[in-house]
C-alpha atoms as a PDB file:
ATOM      1  CA  MET A   1      17.415-123.129 -46.273  1.00  0.00           C
ATOM      2  CA  ARG A   2      19.724-120.504 -44.832  1.00  0.00           C
ATOM      3  CA  ILE A   3      19.180-117.076 -46.355  1.00  0.00           C
ATOM      4  CA  SER A   4      21.465-114.112 -45.732  1.00  0.00           C
ATOM      5  CA  GLY A   5      20.183-111.478 -48.121  1.00  0.00           C
ATOM      6  CA  LEU A   6      17.425-110.439 -50.497  1.00  0.00           C
ATOM      7  CA  GLN A   7      17.515-108.051 -53.437  1.00  0.00           C
ATOM      8  CA  LYS A   8      13.880-107.395 -54.158  1.00  0.00           C
ATOM      9  CA  LEU A   9      14.259-106.477 -57.829  1.00  0.00           C
ATOM     10  CA  THR A  10      16.787-107.086 -60.581  1.00  0.00           C
ATOM     11  CA  LEU A  11      16.284-106.466 -64.282  1.00  0.00           C
ATOM     12  CA  LEU A  12      19.752-107.716 -65.243  1.00  0.00           C
ATOM     13  CA  ASP A  13      20.569-110.983 -63.483  1.00  0.00           C
ATOM     14  CA  PHE A  14      17.979-113.330 -65.014  1.00  0.00           C
ATOM     15  CA  PRO A  15      17.993-112.974 -68.827  1.00  0.00           C
ATOM     16  CA  GLY A  16      14.584-111.958 -70.139  1.00  0.00           C
ATOM     17  CA  LYS A  17      12.943-111.913 -66.724  1.00  0.00           C
ATOM     18  CA  THR A  18      12.066-109.531 -63.947  1.00  0.00           C
ATOM     19  CA  ALA A  19      13.451-111.180 -60.827  1.00  0.00           C
ATOM     20  CA  ALA A  20      14.469-110.971 -57.201  1.00  0.00           C
ATOM     21  CA  THR A  21      17.762-112.338 -55.903  1.00  0.00           C
ATOM     22  CA  VAL A  22      18.157-114.399 -52.744  1.00  0.00           C
ATOM     23  CA  PHE A  23      21.611-114.872 -51.190  1.00  0.00           C
ATOM     24  CA  ALA A  24      22.704-118.075 -49.443  1.00  0.00           C
ATOM     25  CA  PRO A  25      25.609-117.898 -46.978  1.00  0.00           C
ATOM     26  CA  ALA A  26      28.952-119.757 -47.021  1.00  0.00           C
ATOM     27  CA  CYS A  27      31.309-120.705 -49.824  1.00  0.00           C
ATOM     28  CA  ASN A  28      33.988-123.323 -50.340  1.00  0.00           C
ATOM     29  CA  PHE A  29      36.078-120.871 -52.396  1.00  0.00           C
ATOM     30  CA  ARG A  30      38.109-117.920 -51.148  1.00  0.00           C
ATOM     31  CA  CYS A  31      38.361-115.856 -54.327  1.00  0.00           C
ATOM     32  CA  PRO A  32      40.265-112.694 -53.311  1.00  0.00           C
ATOM     33  CA  PHE A  33      38.064-110.588 -55.600  1.00  0.00           C
ATOM     34  CA  CYS A  34      34.727-111.791 -54.197  1.00  0.00           C
ATOM     35  CA  HIS A  35      32.376-108.864 -53.557  1.00  0.00           C
ATOM     36  CA  ASN A  36      30.309-110.800 -51.015  1.00  0.00           C
ATOM     37  CA  ALA A  37      32.946-111.195 -48.321  1.00  0.00           C
ATOM     38  CA  ASP A  38      30.300-111.236 -45.605  1.00  0.00           C
ATOM     39  CA  LEU A  39      28.711-114.280 -47.251  1.00  0.00           C
ATOM     40  CA  VAL A  40      31.953-116.242 -47.638  1.00  0.00           C
ATOM     41  CA  ALA A  41      33.141-116.653 -44.064  1.00  0.00           C
ATOM     42  CA  GLY A  42      30.748-114.554 -42.000  1.00  0.00           C
ATOM     43  CA  ASP A  43      31.629-111.787 -39.584  1.00  0.00           C
ATOM     44  CA  GLU A  44      34.463-111.803 -37.046  1.00  0.00           C
ATOM     45  CA  ASN A  45      32.534-114.430 -35.086  1.00  0.00           C
ATOM     46  CA  GLY A  46      31.776-116.550 -38.144  1.00  0.00           C
ATOM     47  CA  ALA A  47      28.128-115.529 -38.087  1.00  0.00           C
ATOM     48  CA  PHE A  48      26.109-114.697 -41.197  1.00  0.00           C
ATOM     49  CA  PRO A  49      23.218-112.296 -41.700  1.00  0.00           C
ATOM     50  CA  SER A  50      19.934-114.186 -41.520  1.00  0.00           C
ATOM     51  CA  ILE A  51      16.511-113.934 -43.114  1.00  0.00           C
ATOM     52  CA  SER A  52      13.910-116.567 -42.315  1.00  0.00           C
ATOM     53  CA  GLU A  53      12.292-118.709 -44.996  1.00  0.00           C
ATOM     54  CA  ASP A  54       8.918-117.469 -43.779  1.00  0.00           C
ATOM     55  CA  GLU A  55       9.963-113.883 -44.401  1.00  0.00           C
ATOM     56  CA  PHE A  56      11.252-114.721 -47.862  1.00  0.00           C
ATOM     57  CA  PHE A  57       8.181-116.660 -48.946  1.00  0.00           C
ATOM     58  CA  SER A  58       5.890-113.985 -47.503  1.00  0.00           C
ATOM     59  CA  PHE A  59       7.677-111.501 -49.742  1.00  0.00           C
ATOM     60  CA  LEU A  60       7.399-113.885 -52.693  1.00  0.00           C
ATOM     61  CA  ASP A  61       3.673-114.428 -52.228  1.00  0.00           C
ATOM     62  CA  LYS A  62       3.167-110.687 -52.460  1.00  0.00           C
ATOM     63  CA  ARG A  63       5.054-110.564 -55.767  1.00  0.00           C
ATOM     64  CA  GLN A  64       2.774-112.933 -57.666  1.00  0.00           C
ATOM     65  CA  GLY A  65       2.253-111.425 -61.113  1.00  0.00           C
ATOM     66  CA  LEU A  66       4.994-108.836 -60.561  1.00  0.00           C
ATOM     67  CA  LEU A  67       8.101-111.028 -60.756  1.00  0.00           C
ATOM     68  CA  ASP A  68       8.929-113.745 -63.266  1.00  0.00           C
ATOM     69  CA  GLY A  69      11.754-115.467 -61.461  1.00  0.00           C
ATOM     70  CA  ILE A  70      14.139-115.818 -58.543  1.00  0.00           C
ATOM     71  CA  CYS A  71      17.936-115.846 -58.736  1.00  0.00           C
ATOM     72  CA  VAL A  72      19.474-118.089 -56.100  1.00  0.00           C
ATOM     73  CA  THR A  73      23.038-117.005 -55.456  1.00  0.00           C
ATOM     74  CA  GLY A  74      25.588-116.786 -52.655  1.00  0.00           C
ATOM     75  CA  GLY A  75      28.048-117.694 -51.400  1.00  0.00           C
ATOM     76  CA  GLU A  76      27.632-121.085 -53.025  1.00  0.00           C
ATOM     77  CA  PRO A  77      23.959-122.140 -52.903  1.00  0.00           C
ATOM     78  CA  LEU A  78      24.682-125.823 -53.556  1.00  0.00           C
ATOM     79  CA  LEU A  79      26.308-126.070 -50.128  1.00  0.00           C
ATOM     80  CA  GLN A  80      22.808-125.820 -48.657  1.00  0.00           C
ATOM     81  CA  PRO A  81      21.445-129.316 -47.905  1.00  0.00           C
ATOM     82  CA  ASP A  82      17.826-128.274 -48.478  1.00  0.00           C
ATOM     83  CA  ILE A  83      18.393-126.353 -51.711  1.00  0.00           C
ATOM     84  CA  ALA A  84      16.131-128.761 -53.653  1.00  0.00           C
ATOM     85  CA  ALA A  85      13.166-128.246 -51.327  1.00  0.00           C
ATOM     86  CA  PHE A  86      13.726-124.494 -51.440  1.00  0.00           C
ATOM     87  CA  CYS A  87      13.756-124.392 -55.248  1.00  0.00           C
ATOM     88  CA  ALA A  88      10.699-126.649 -55.354  1.00  0.00           C
ATOM     89  CA  ALA A  89       8.802-124.241 -53.080  1.00  0.00           C
ATOM     90  CA  ILE A  90       9.680-121.350 -55.412  1.00  0.00           C
ATOM     91  CA  LYS A  91       8.603-123.342 -58.473  1.00  0.00           C
ATOM     92  CA  ARG A  92       5.277-124.281 -56.853  1.00  0.00           C
ATOM     93  CA  ARG A  93       4.506-120.593 -56.617  1.00  0.00           C
ATOM     94  CA  GLY A  94       4.968-120.248 -60.359  1.00  0.00           C
ATOM     95  CA  PHE A  95       8.359-118.560 -60.466  1.00  0.00           C
ATOM     96  CA  ALA A  96      11.289-119.578 -62.660  1.00  0.00           C
ATOM     97  CA  VAL A  97      14.574-120.320 -60.863  1.00  0.00           C
ATOM     98  CA  LYS A  98      18.067-119.229 -61.888  1.00  0.00           C
ATOM     99  CA  LEU A  99      20.982-120.791 -60.026  1.00  0.00           C
ATOM    100  CA  ASP A 100      24.391-119.144 -59.658  1.00  0.00           C
ATOM    101  CA  THR A 101      27.120-121.669 -58.880  1.00  0.00           C
ATOM    102  CA  ASN A 102      30.880-122.070 -58.848  1.00  0.00           C
ATOM    103  CA  GLY A 103      30.595-125.562 -60.318  1.00  0.00           C
ATOM    104  CA  SER A 104      31.943-127.476 -57.323  1.00  0.00           C
ATOM    105  CA  PHE A 105      28.947-129.786 -57.008  1.00  0.00           C
ATOM    106  CA  PRO A 106      28.153-131.261 -60.433  1.00  0.00           C
ATOM    107  CA  GLU A 107      26.051-134.146 -59.130  1.00  0.00           C
ATOM    108  CA  LYS A 108      23.813-131.831 -57.113  1.00  0.00           C
ATOM    109  CA  LEU A 109      23.569-129.488 -60.108  1.00  0.00           C
ATOM    110  CA  ARG A 110      22.478-132.363 -62.325  1.00  0.00           C
ATOM    111  CA  GLU A 111      19.931-133.543 -59.728  1.00  0.00           C
ATOM    112  CA  LEU A 112      18.269-130.136 -59.529  1.00  0.00           C
ATOM    113  CA  VAL A 113      18.161-129.686 -63.289  1.00  0.00           C
ATOM    114  CA  GLU A 114      16.837-133.149 -64.004  1.00  0.00           C
ATOM    115  CA  ALA A 115      14.185-132.741 -61.290  1.00  0.00           C
ATOM    116  CA  GLY A 116      12.925-129.688 -63.194  1.00  0.00           C
ATOM    117  CA  LEU A 117      13.834-127.315 -60.351  1.00  0.00           C
ATOM    118  CA  ILE A 118      16.268-125.066 -62.267  1.00  0.00           C
ATOM    119  CA  ASP A 119      15.419-123.091 -65.397  1.00  0.00           C
ATOM    120  CA  TYR A 120      18.742-121.320 -65.962  1.00  0.00           C
ATOM    121  CA  VAL A 121      22.302-121.741 -64.652  1.00  0.00           C
ATOM    122  CA  ALA A 122      25.056-119.159 -64.407  1.00  0.00           C
ATOM    123  CA  MET A 123      28.405-120.786 -63.659  1.00  0.00           C
ATOM    124  CA  ASP A 124      31.489-118.799 -62.769  1.00  0.00           C
ATOM    125  CA  VAL A 125      34.470-120.119 -64.695  1.00  0.00           C
ATOM    126  CA  LYS A 126      37.310-118.485 -62.856  1.00  0.00           C
ATOM    127  CA  ASN A 127      40.353-118.927 -65.074  1.00  0.00           C
ATOM    128  CA  SER A 128      42.415-121.380 -67.089  1.00  0.00           C
ATOM    129  CA  ARG A 129      43.020-124.787 -65.552  1.00  0.00           C
ATOM    130  CA  GLU A 130      46.609-123.841 -64.778  1.00  0.00           C
ATOM    131  CA  ARG A 131      45.611-120.766 -62.762  1.00  0.00           C
ATOM    132  CA  TYR A 132      42.383-121.992 -61.174  1.00  0.00           C
ATOM    133  CA  ALA A 133      43.721-122.798 -57.705  1.00  0.00           C
ATOM    134  CA  GLU A 134      45.316-119.392 -57.201  1.00  0.00           C
ATOM    135  CA  THR A 135      42.254-117.623 -58.555  1.00  0.00           C
ATOM    136  CA  VAL A 136      39.846-119.373 -56.183  1.00  0.00           C
ATOM    137  CA  GLY A 137      42.237-119.111 -53.240  1.00  0.00           C
ATOM    138  CA  VAL A 138      42.333-122.847 -52.478  1.00  0.00           C
ATOM    139  CA  GLU A 139      45.582-124.809 -52.356  1.00  0.00           C
ATOM    140  CA  ARG A 140      45.670-128.300 -53.911  1.00  0.00           C
ATOM    141  CA  PHE A 141      42.340-127.563 -55.574  1.00  0.00           C
ATOM    142  CA  ASP A 142      40.553-130.537 -57.144  1.00  0.00           C
ATOM    143  CA  MET A 143      39.595-129.594 -60.696  1.00  0.00           C
ATOM    144  CA  ALA A 144      37.502-132.709 -61.381  1.00  0.00           C
ATOM    145  CA  PRO A 145      34.135-131.304 -60.181  1.00  0.00           C
ATOM    146  CA  ILE A 146      34.645-128.131 -62.228  1.00  0.00           C
ATOM    147  CA  GLU A 147      35.403-130.229 -65.294  1.00  0.00           C
ATOM    148  CA  ARG A 148      32.213-132.236 -64.785  1.00  0.00           C
ATOM    149  CA  SER A 149      30.037-129.164 -64.293  1.00  0.00           C
ATOM    150  CA  ILE A 150      31.399-127.504 -67.426  1.00  0.00           C
ATOM    151  CA  SER A 151      30.885-130.691 -69.455  1.00  0.00           C
ATOM    152  CA  TYR A 152      27.335-131.023 -68.157  1.00  0.00           C
ATOM    153  CA  LEU A 153      26.384-127.475 -69.074  1.00  0.00           C
ATOM    154  CA  LEU A 154      28.024-127.778 -72.489  1.00  0.00           C
ATOM    155  CA  SER A 155      25.748-130.762 -73.136  1.00  0.00           C
ATOM    156  CA  GLY A 156      22.859-128.286 -73.416  1.00  0.00           C
ATOM    157  CA  THR A 157      20.540-129.933 -70.899  1.00  0.00           C
ATOM    158  CA  VAL A 158      19.573-126.576 -69.389  1.00  0.00           C
ATOM    159  CA  PRO A 159      19.916-122.959 -70.577  1.00  0.00           C
ATOM    160  CA  TYR A 160      23.116-121.527 -69.103  1.00  0.00           C
ATOM    161  CA  GLU A 161      25.851-118.950 -69.241  1.00  0.00           C
ATOM    162  CA  PHE A 162      29.463-118.955 -68.191  1.00  0.00           C
ATOM    163  CA  ARG A 163      30.921-115.800 -66.685  1.00  0.00           C
ATOM    164  CA  THR A 164      34.415-114.687 -65.709  1.00  0.00           C
ATOM    165  CA  THR A 165      35.464-111.737 -63.578  1.00  0.00           C
ATOM    166  CA  VAL A 166      38.697-110.473 -65.117  1.00  0.00           C
ATOM    167  CA  LEU A 167      41.518-108.954 -63.024  1.00  0.00           C
ATOM    168  CA  ARG A 168      45.027-107.836 -63.868  1.00  0.00           C
ATOM    169  CA  GLU A 169      46.440-109.939 -61.029  1.00  0.00           C
ATOM    170  CA  PHE A 170      44.975-113.201 -62.346  1.00  0.00           C
ATOM    171  CA  HIS A 171      44.158-112.879 -66.048  1.00  0.00           C
ATOM    172  CA  ASP A 172      45.977-112.036 -69.251  1.00  0.00           C
ATOM    173  CA  GLY A 173      45.440-112.872 -72.909  1.00  0.00           C
ATOM    174  CA  GLU A 174      47.093-116.263 -72.558  1.00  0.00           C
ATOM    175  CA  SER A 175      44.977-117.422 -69.612  1.00  0.00           C
ATOM    176  CA  LEU A 176      41.749-116.177 -71.215  1.00  0.00           C
ATOM    177  CA  VAL A 177      42.531-117.962 -74.482  1.00  0.00           C
ATOM    178  CA  ALA A 178      43.222-121.180 -72.534  1.00  0.00           C
ATOM    179  CA  LEU A 179      39.896-120.761 -70.723  1.00  0.00           C
ATOM    180  CA  ALA A 180      38.111-120.142 -74.031  1.00  0.00           C
ATOM    181  CA  HIS A 181      39.453-123.442 -75.407  1.00  0.00           C
ATOM    182  CA  TRP A 182      38.219-125.196 -72.253  1.00  0.00           C
ATOM    183  CA  ILE A 183      34.638-123.940 -72.731  1.00  0.00           C
ATOM    184  CA  GLU A 184      34.671-124.033 -76.526  1.00  0.00           C
ATOM    185  CA  GLY A 185      31.146-124.459 -77.849  1.00  0.00           C
ATOM    186  CA  ALA A 186      29.577-122.466 -75.005  1.00  0.00           C
ATOM    187  CA  ASP A 187      26.214-120.850 -75.690  1.00  0.00           C
ATOM    188  CA  SER A 188      27.118-117.758 -73.698  1.00  0.00           C
ATOM    189  CA  TRP A 189      30.272-116.416 -72.017  1.00  0.00           C
ATOM    190  CA  HIS A 190      30.342-113.045 -70.257  1.00  0.00           C
ATOM    191  CA  LEU A 191      33.537-111.282 -69.279  1.00  0.00           C
ATOM    192  CA  GLN A 192      33.088-108.730 -66.538  1.00  0.00           C
ATOM    193  CA  SER A 193      35.757-106.411 -65.197  1.00  0.00           C
ATOM    194  CA  PHE A 194      36.547-106.416 -61.507  1.00  0.00           C
ATOM    195  CA  VAL A 195      35.226-103.349 -59.684  1.00  0.00           C
ATOM    196  CA  ASP A 196      36.859-102.548 -56.377  1.00  0.00           C
ATOM    197  CA  SER A 197      34.874-101.894 -53.190  1.00  0.00           C
ATOM    198  CA  ASP A 198      35.172-102.116 -49.418  1.00  0.00           C
ATOM    199  CA  THR A 199      33.340-105.457 -49.441  1.00  0.00           C
ATOM    200  CA  VAL A 200      36.013-107.292 -51.463  1.00  0.00           C
ATOM    201  CA  LEU A 201      37.510-110.286 -49.651  1.00  0.00           C
ATOM    202  CA  ALA A 202      41.127-109.229 -50.277  1.00  0.00           C
ATOM    203  CA  GLY A 203      40.441-105.703 -49.082  1.00  0.00           C
ATOM    204  CA  GLU A 204      39.891-102.475 -50.917  1.00  0.00           C
ATOM    205  CA  GLY A 205      42.752-101.277 -53.122  1.00  0.00           C
ATOM    206  CA  GLU A 206      44.479-104.661 -53.366  1.00  0.00           C
ATOM    207  CA  LEU A 207      43.186-105.791 -56.772  1.00  0.00           C
ATOM    208  CA  HIS A 208      42.691-104.108 -60.124  1.00  0.00           C
ATOM    209  CA  GLY A 209      40.333-104.532 -63.048  1.00  0.00           C
ATOM    210  CA  TYR A 210      40.825-103.796 -66.724  1.00  0.00           C
ATOM    211  CA  ALA A 211      39.443-100.694 -68.408  1.00  0.00           C
ATOM    212  CA  ALA A 212      36.449-101.315 -70.668  1.00  0.00           C
ATOM    213  CA  ASP A 213      38.445-100.845 -73.870  1.00  0.00           C
ATOM    214  CA  GLU A 214      41.152-103.215 -72.651  1.00  0.00           C
ATOM    215  CA  LEU A 215      38.572-105.855 -71.800  1.00  0.00           C
ATOM    216  CA  ARG A 216      36.915-105.503 -75.205  1.00  0.00           C
ATOM    217  CA  GLY A 217      40.362-105.834 -76.754  1.00  0.00           C
ATOM    218  CA  PHE A 218      40.454-109.488 -75.711  1.00  0.00           C
ATOM    219  CA  LEU A 219      37.250-110.284 -77.614  1.00  0.00           C
ATOM    220  CA  PRO A 220      38.440-110.671 -81.232  1.00  0.00           C
ATOM    221  CA  GLU A 221      40.743-113.572 -80.382  1.00  0.00           C
ATOM    222  CA  LEU A 222      38.377-115.097 -77.840  1.00  0.00           C
ATOM    223  CA  ARG A 223      35.502-115.028 -80.329  1.00  0.00           C
ATOM    224  CA  THR A 224      37.464-117.202 -82.748  1.00  0.00           C
ATOM    225  CA  ILE A 225      37.013-119.916 -80.084  1.00  0.00           C
ATOM    226  CA  VAL A 226      33.758-118.896 -78.311  1.00  0.00           C
ATOM    227  CA  PRO A 227      31.817-116.783 -80.836  1.00  0.00           C
ATOM    228  CA  ASN A 228      29.257-115.707 -78.233  1.00  0.00           C
ATOM    229  CA  ALA A 229      31.834-114.157 -75.861  1.00  0.00           C
ATOM    230  CA  GLU A 230      30.681-110.752 -74.649  1.00  0.00           C
ATOM    231  CA  VAL A 231      31.754-108.041 -72.236  1.00  0.00           C
ATOM    232  CA  ARG A 232      29.201-107.215 -69.560  1.00  0.00           C
ATOM    233  CA  GLY A 233      28.815-104.401 -67.104  1.00  0.00           C
ATOM    234  CA  VAL A 234      31.371-101.914 -68.450  1.00  0.00           C
END
């Protein structure tokens, strides 16, 4: 398993658990608003930061009794061919596993869940169907895997949340309502405003988030479709 980063403590990313977050490199999306630009395509030579599995598991073994779980994020973790073995090694040590995914690999997602290797899934749902390709930065984007991942999570097989980063350049009331209808029946949907930084893929100053009050202003209509819609992080 390729590892490019480790956040040793998070109290926010894994609901109800004290966790650490491990970052896997590479992504098949090119979302302009991605905050992990160094994990999407690497540096100017295409190289990614690297942490060995031995180093990670040495850290984990020292956190027995101190951490409840591990968040596996990226990049897109399901691009890693040995993700199942990695999650299994975490589970053997007694930690719960949360997977962050963009939904591109529904069959692999199902495999991991049904093997008992994933305890919680957070899937980024980027936008309405009509605006998905532009939002993820991929021309002629195939929506079918996203559809299958959403349907699978809506089936309730594993605890999950959907989340959407909201930007003025890509989202408005119409697109958010269309997205809400797509994920109608969701257990949990978090809207989070884009926050600019110098690590954003499009470059600092190019994109713009909504103010907290503006973001909350979308909720009354969205909650008529997804009652559990919430604003997070503002």
